[in-house]
Amino acid sequence: MARKKMESENMKVVYAHTDSLYVPVPSIEKAQEVREILNTHIQENVFPNLMELDDHPMDLEFEKYYSVLGVGATRNRNAGFINWKDGVHLQEPEFVCTGFTLKRIAESNIGKEVQKTALEMWINQKTEEEIISYVRDMYDKVRTGQVEKTDLIKRSRVKENRLKVKCSNLRCRKIYGVDYIRGLLSVLSTADCENDSCRKKLKNCTTVEGKRPAFGGGFAGVLYYNEHVNKKDKLDDSFYHMKCDFKIGQPQTYTNWNGDEKKAGYIAVRNIEELNEYEPDWLFLSQSEVLKKVRPIFDAMNWELSNITKDVKQQTLDEWF
């Protein structure tokens, strides 16, 4: 409704969400006028105040004025600088973004830095070459281990029931700790539920919520830690984790929840100092903490992500000709 009204007023809606409209306007004063136009239209033609309330129940607000805005290729993903918010002029432009991982506390420092810097360059209309140059530099630094290991660490926590599974028999639903059940199944893979009235196979257990159990990423690191690093004081709360290349002499596998042996790829620890003896998987991390973080920008602009990993000294066949 609001969008159609804007378009009828020859105003382009560059982005719309459930409760938001983004419209290019030349000034804050013009934005106030747009709000009045929309409210008049909605209150008189769409949702008339039939109950004659003192305040109309439908009232659009003018929340932010962006000096520049970049819109991603998927919904709910945008970034920009605002200089007016909730009726107040800001002394310095404020960077804001929606739908990007840099807002997550659990992300690594490098991942946040790369995404924020690339976004700021993008919305400041830096060229494709400039952005690729920055991202390639960060990609090469991570790939070759020229960054601090601590800047690649992520943080997470064990939520209630995350390290538990339950019998899949709806009449039983006996709860097992993951460390207990994987120890049992690693010895006897055909083990049955320990409830005398239930003979369901333990390998058919589900999560407490009824889903198929899965322990990837940091939680695979938790299983590794609890099995190989500290069996007495196991991780059951907050922890740090990182993708690793395990050295000779370090256990190369861990026992999954179902008793199967899996190749180790992650380490989780209680204290950052415990990571000193582990080598980061630099190549994997250069992709996950650099390439993956800028992919939304490259997708929005139809840029080739392969331009970052391509050797700048290597010419394509077309360039050679």
Protein backbone atom coordinates (compact mmCIF):
# COMPACT_ATOMS: atom_id res chain seq x y z
CA MET A 1 0.00 0.00 0.00
CA ALA A 2 2.66 2.49 1.06
CA ARG A 3 4.93 1.32 -1.72
CA LYS A 4 2.27 1.86 -4.38
CA LYS A 5 1.60 5.34 -3.03
CA MET A 6 5.30 6.22 -3.22
CA GLU A 7 5.51 4.97 -6.80
CA SER A 8 2.41 6.97 -7.73
CA GLU A 9 4.25 10.04 -6.41
CA ASN A 10 7.17 9.21 -8.73
CA MET A 11 9.35 8.17 -5.81
CA LYS A 12 11.48 5.07 -6.21
CA VAL A 13 11.39 2.53 -3.40
CA VAL A 14 14.88 1.02 -3.32
CA TYR A 15 14.14 -1.43 -0.53
CA ALA A 16 11.09 -2.57 1.42
CA HIS A 17 10.60 -4.82 4.40
CA THR A 18 7.64 -5.93 6.52
CA ASP A 19 7.50 -2.64 8.41
CA SER A 20 9.96 -0.43 6.52
CA LEU A 21 10.38 1.56 3.33
CA TYR A 22 13.63 3.02 1.99
CA VAL A 23 13.08 5.93 -0.39
CA PRO A 24 15.75 8.24 -1.91
CA VAL A 25 15.06 11.85 -0.89
CA PRO A 26 17.35 14.90 -1.17
CA SER A 27 16.98 16.15 2.41
CA ILE A 28 15.65 15.45 5.88
CA GLU A 29 12.93 18.06 5.29
CA LYS A 30 11.79 16.18 2.20
CA ALA A 31 11.74 12.96 4.20
CA GLN A 32 9.35 14.61 6.67
CA GLU A 33 7.09 15.57 3.77
CA VAL A 34 7.13 11.98 2.49
CA ARG A 35 6.06 10.77 5.92
CA GLU A 36 3.12 13.19 5.91
CA ILE A 37 2.07 12.07 2.43
CA LEU A 38 2.13 8.42 3.45
CA ASN A 39 0.32 8.94 6.74
CA THR A 40 -2.42 11.00 5.08
CA HIS A 41 -2.91 8.34 2.42
CA ILE A 42 -2.97 5.43 4.87
CA GLN A 43 -5.10 7.10 7.53
CA GLU A 44 -7.70 8.44 5.08
CA ASN A 45 -7.83 5.76 2.39
CA VAL A 46 -6.49 2.51 3.80
CA PHE A 47 -7.13 2.41 7.55
CA PRO A 48 -9.67 5.10 8.42
CA ASN A 49 -10.12 5.82 12.12
CA LEU A 50 -13.57 4.22 12.36
CA MET A 51 -13.54 4.17 16.17
CA GLU A 52 -12.64 7.89 16.24
CA LEU A 53 -9.74 7.39 18.60
CA ASP A 54 -7.78 10.44 19.75
CA ASP A 55 -4.64 9.04 18.12
CA HIS A 56 -4.87 7.15 14.86
CA PRO A 57 -3.75 3.51 15.42
CA MET A 58 -1.73 3.55 12.20
CA ASP A 59 1.10 6.08 12.20
CA LEU A 60 4.28 5.76 10.17
CA GLU A 61 7.49 7.09 11.69
CA PHE A 62 10.51 8.70 10.08
CA GLU A 63 13.29 6.81 11.86
CA LYS A 64 16.58 7.29 10.03
CA TYR A 65 18.14 9.37 7.30
CA TYR A 66 20.96 7.67 5.44
CA SER A 67 23.57 9.78 3.74
CA VAL A 68 24.46 6.63 1.80
CA LEU A 69 22.92 3.15 1.73
CA GLY A 70 23.98 -0.13 0.17
CA VAL A 71 21.37 -2.86 -0.36
CA GLY A 72 22.35 -6.54 -0.56
CA ALA A 73 21.16 -9.14 -3.04
CA THR A 74 19.02 -10.89 -0.40
CA ARG A 75 16.27 -9.57 1.85
CA ASN A 76 17.02 -7.92 5.19
CA ARG A 77 20.61 -7.18 4.24
CA ASN A 78 21.79 -3.58 3.97
CA ALA A 79 24.44 -1.21 5.29
CA GLY A 80 24.99 2.53 5.33
CA PHE A 81 25.83 5.70 7.21
CA ILE A 82 23.08 7.62 9.00
CA ASN A 83 23.34 11.26 10.08
CA TRP A 84 19.83 11.66 11.52
CA LYS A 85 18.07 9.23 13.87
CA ASP A 86 14.88 9.50 15.92
CA GLY A 87 14.64 13.25 15.51
CA VAL A 88 18.29 13.98 16.32
CA HIS A 89 21.07 15.17 13.99
CA LEU A 90 24.20 13.12 14.64
CA GLN A 91 27.51 14.95 15.00
CA GLU A 92 29.32 12.12 13.19
CA PRO A 93 27.83 9.70 10.64
CA GLU A 94 26.99 6.38 12.28
CA PHE A 95 27.67 3.11 10.48
CA VAL A 96 24.74 0.70 10.70
CA CYS A 97 24.06 -2.64 9.06
CA THR A 98 21.40 -5.33 9.03
CA GLY A 99 21.70 -8.98 8.14
CA PHE A 100 25.51 -9.20 8.23
CA THR A 101 27.50 -11.50 10.51
CA LEU A 102 29.73 -8.75 11.92
CA LYS A 103 26.94 -7.97 14.39
CA ARG A 104 27.29 -11.39 15.99
CA ILE A 105 29.33 -11.52 19.18
CA ALA A 106 30.50 -15.04 18.35
CA GLU A 107 32.33 -14.01 15.15
CA SER A 108 36.13 -13.77 14.98
CA ASN A 109 37.87 -10.39 15.10
CA ILE A 110 39.25 -10.88 11.58
CA GLY A 111 35.83 -11.80 10.19
CA LYS A 112 34.25 -8.69 11.70
CA GLU A 113 37.07 -6.41 10.58
CA VAL A 114 37.07 -7.66 6.98
CA GLN A 115 33.31 -7.45 6.58
CA LYS A 116 32.99 -4.02 8.21
CA THR A 117 35.86 -2.52 6.20
CA ALA A 118 34.62 -3.98 2.92
CA LEU A 119 31.08 -2.74 3.63
CA GLU A 120 32.31 0.76 4.41
CA MET A 121 34.35 0.79 1.19
CA TRP A 122 31.31 -0.45 -0.74
CA ILE A 123 28.86 2.13 0.57
CA ASN A 124 31.49 4.84 0.10
CA GLN A 125 31.50 3.83 -3.56
CA LYS A 126 35.08 2.59 -3.71
CA THR A 127 35.83 0.85 -6.99
CA GLU A 128 35.73 -2.88 -7.53
CA GLU A 129 39.51 -2.87 -7.95
CA GLU A 130 40.03 -1.06 -4.63
CA ILE A 131 37.80 -3.46 -2.72
CA ILE A 132 39.36 -6.52 -4.36
CA SER A 133 42.83 -5.19 -3.52
CA TYR A 134 41.93 -4.83 0.18
CA VAL A 135 40.22 -8.23 0.39
CA ARG A 136 43.04 -9.97 -1.48
CA ASP A 137 45.57 -8.48 0.94
CA MET A 138 43.63 -9.79 3.96
CA TYR A 139 43.06 -13.14 2.28
CA ASP A 140 46.80 -13.55 1.65
CA LYS A 141 47.71 -12.49 5.21
CA VAL A 142 45.38 -15.07 6.75
CA ARG A 143 46.32 -17.80 4.25
CA THR A 144 50.02 -17.37 5.00
CA GLY A 145 49.62 -17.02 8.77
CA GLN A 146 50.52 -13.32 9.02
CA VAL A 147 47.75 -12.52 11.50
CA GLU A 148 47.41 -13.16 15.21
CA LYS A 149 45.93 -16.55 16.02
CA THR A 150 43.71 -14.95 18.66
CA ASP A 151 42.01 -12.85 15.97
CA LEU A 152 40.72 -16.03 14.33
CA ILE A 153 39.15 -17.50 17.45
CA LYS A 154 35.37 -17.67 17.78
CA ARG A 155 33.41 -17.90 20.99
CA SER A 156 30.29 -19.89 21.77
CA ARG A 157 28.53 -21.52 24.68
CA VAL A 158 26.81 -24.78 25.47
CA LYS A 159 23.11 -24.10 25.76
CA GLU A 160 20.84 -26.24 27.90
CA ASN A 161 20.41 -29.76 26.48
CA ARG A 162 22.95 -29.13 23.65
CA LEU A 163 25.14 -32.02 24.85
CA LYS A 164 22.23 -34.39 25.45
CA VAL A 165 20.26 -36.82 23.31
CA LYS A 166 17.09 -38.77 23.99
CA CYS A 167 15.68 -42.16 23.06
CA SER A 168 13.59 -41.95 19.88
CA ASN A 169 10.84 -44.12 21.40
CA LEU A 170 8.02 -41.68 22.17
CA ARG A 171 6.96 -43.78 25.15
CA CYS A 172 10.45 -43.77 26.62
CA ARG A 173 12.38 -40.57 25.84
CA LYS A 174 15.21 -41.43 28.22
CA ILE A 175 17.85 -38.68 28.24
CA TYR A 176 21.55 -39.46 27.79
CA GLY A 177 24.62 -37.26 28.04
CA VAL A 178 26.54 -37.19 24.78
CA ASP A 179 29.85 -38.19 26.39
CA TYR A 180 28.19 -41.16 28.06
CA ILE A 181 26.35 -42.44 24.99
CA ARG A 182 29.29 -42.08 22.59
CA GLY A 183 31.48 -44.03 25.00
CA LEU A 184 28.87 -46.78 25.12
CA LEU A 185 28.28 -46.91 21.36
CA SER A 186 32.01 -46.88 20.56
CA VAL A 187 32.21 -50.24 22.37
CA LEU A 188 28.86 -51.71 21.29
CA SER A 189 27.38 -50.02 18.24
CA THR A 190 24.14 -52.08 18.48
CA ALA A 191 23.44 -51.08 22.08
CA ASP A 192 19.79 -50.73 23.09
CA CYS A 193 18.17 -48.11 25.29
CA GLU A 194 18.90 -48.82 28.95
CA ASN A 195 15.24 -48.43 29.90
CA ASP A 196 14.04 -51.97 30.66
CA SER A 197 10.70 -51.40 28.92
CA CYS A 198 12.35 -50.05 25.75
CA ARG A 199 14.51 -51.88 23.23
CA LYS A 200 15.09 -49.00 20.82
CA LYS A 201 18.59 -48.78 19.32
CA LEU A 202 20.62 -45.96 20.82
CA LYS A 203 21.95 -45.01 17.39
CA ASN A 204 18.40 -43.83 16.63
CA CYS A 205 18.47 -41.22 19.38
CA THR A 206 17.40 -37.65 18.63
CA THR A 207 18.16 -34.32 20.20
CA VAL A 208 16.02 -33.32 23.16
CA GLU A 209 14.01 -31.22 20.65
CA GLY A 210 13.42 -34.30 18.46
CA LYS A 211 15.88 -33.55 15.64
CA ARG A 212 18.75 -35.56 14.21
CA PRO A 213 21.86 -34.94 16.37
CA ALA A 214 24.64 -32.97 14.67
CA PHE A 215 27.90 -31.79 16.19
CA GLY A 216 29.88 -29.73 13.71
CA GLY A 217 32.23 -26.77 13.98
CA GLY A 218 32.88 -25.64 17.53
CA PHE A 219 30.80 -28.45 19.01
CA ALA A 220 32.93 -31.03 17.21
CA GLY A 221 35.80 -29.27 19.00
CA VAL A 222 33.97 -29.71 22.31
CA LEU A 223 33.72 -33.47 21.73
CA TYR A 224 37.44 -33.55 20.85
CA TYR A 225 38.38 -31.59 24.00
CA ASN A 226 36.25 -33.71 26.32
CA GLU A 227 37.73 -36.91 24.89
CA HIS A 228 41.39 -36.03 24.42
CA VAL A 229 42.31 -32.86 26.32
CA ASN A 230 40.50 -32.76 29.64
CA LYS A 231 38.33 -35.74 30.56
CA LYS A 232 37.98 -34.68 34.18
CA ASP A 233 36.93 -31.06 33.66
CA LYS A 234 34.82 -31.22 30.51
CA LEU A 235 33.46 -28.24 28.60
CA ASP A 236 29.85 -27.58 29.48
CA ASP A 237 29.53 -23.78 29.35
CA SER A 238 31.23 -21.03 27.30
CA PHE A 239 34.21 -21.96 25.14
CA TYR A 240 36.56 -20.74 22.42
CA HIS A 241 37.01 -22.70 19.20
CA MET A 242 39.05 -22.70 16.01
CA LYS A 243 39.53 -24.74 12.84
CA CYS A 244 42.86 -26.57 13.15
CA ASP A 245 45.50 -28.59 11.36
CA PHE A 246 46.37 -31.16 14.00
CA LYS A 247 50.08 -31.95 14.27
CA ILE A 248 51.79 -35.33 14.38
CA GLY A 249 51.49 -36.57 17.93
CA GLN A 250 48.10 -34.94 18.47
CA PRO A 251 44.99 -37.14 18.20
CA GLN A 252 43.74 -36.99 14.62
CA THR A 253 40.23 -38.29 15.28
CA TYR A 254 37.48 -38.05 17.87
CA THR A 255 34.42 -40.10 18.76
CA ASN A 256 31.14 -38.71 17.47
CA TRP A 257 27.93 -38.88 19.52
CA ASN A 258 26.95 -42.17 17.82
CA GLY A 259 30.26 -43.91 18.56
CA ASP A 260 31.68 -43.46 15.06
CA GLU A 261 35.25 -42.27 14.69
CA LYS A 262 35.57 -38.98 12.80
CA LYS A 263 38.52 -36.98 11.51
CA ALA A 264 39.26 -34.06 13.81
CA GLY A 265 39.04 -30.56 12.38
CA TYR A 266 38.16 -28.29 15.29
CA ILE A 267 39.48 -27.67 18.77
CA ALA A 268 37.46 -26.05 21.56
CA VAL A 269 39.01 -24.83 24.82
CA ARG A 270 37.99 -23.17 28.05
CA ASN A 271 40.89 -20.69 28.11
CA ILE A 272 42.51 -19.01 25.10
CA GLU A 273 45.99 -20.00 26.35
CA GLU A 274 45.11 -23.65 25.72
CA LEU A 275 45.12 -22.93 21.97
CA ASN A 276 48.85 -22.19 21.90
CA GLU A 277 49.78 -25.76 20.96
CA TYR A 278 47.33 -25.95 18.05
CA GLU A 279 48.01 -24.79 14.50
CA PRO A 280 45.20 -22.94 12.70
CA ASP A 281 43.97 -24.28 9.36
CA TRP A 282 45.13 -21.13 7.60
CA LEU A 283 43.70 -21.96 4.17
CA PHE A 284 40.26 -22.84 5.53
CA LEU A 285 40.21 -19.74 7.72
CA SER A 286 41.24 -17.46 4.85
CA GLN A 287 38.12 -18.67 3.06
CA SER A 288 35.70 -18.66 6.00
CA GLU A 289 36.88 -15.43 7.67
CA VAL A 290 37.64 -13.41 4.53
CA LEU A 291 36.01 -14.72 1.35
CA LYS A 292 32.77 -15.77 3.01
CA LYS A 293 32.44 -12.41 4.78
CA VAL A 294 32.59 -10.38 1.55
CA ARG A 295 30.47 -12.72 -0.56
CA PRO A 296 27.22 -10.76 0.12
CA ILE A 297 28.82 -7.62 -1.36
CA PHE A 298 30.20 -9.46 -4.37
CA ASP A 299 26.84 -11.16 -4.97
CA ALA A 300 25.04 -7.80 -4.81
CA MET A 301 27.43 -6.30 -7.36
CA ASN A 302 27.76 -9.42 -9.56
CA TRP A 303 31.51 -9.44 -8.98
CA GLU A 304 33.58 -12.60 -9.28
CA LEU A 305 34.89 -13.80 -5.95
CA SER A 306 37.55 -15.79 -7.81
CA ASN A 307 39.29 -12.48 -8.61
CA ILE A 308 40.54 -12.46 -5.02
CA THR A 309 42.18 -15.87 -5.10
CA LYS A 310 43.58 -15.53 -8.63
CA ASP A 311 47.28 -14.77 -8.77
CA VAL A 312 47.56 -11.13 -9.82
CA LYS A 313 50.62 -12.04 -11.90
CA GLN A 314 48.71 -14.70 -13.81
CA GLN A 315 47.00 -13.49 -16.97
CA THR A 316 43.87 -15.06 -18.37
CA LEU A 317 43.99 -16.33 -21.95
CA ASP A 318 41.83 -13.42 -23.13
CA GLU A 319 44.12 -10.89 -21.41
CA TRP A 320 47.19 -12.49 -23.02
CA PHE A 321 45.69 -12.16 -26.49
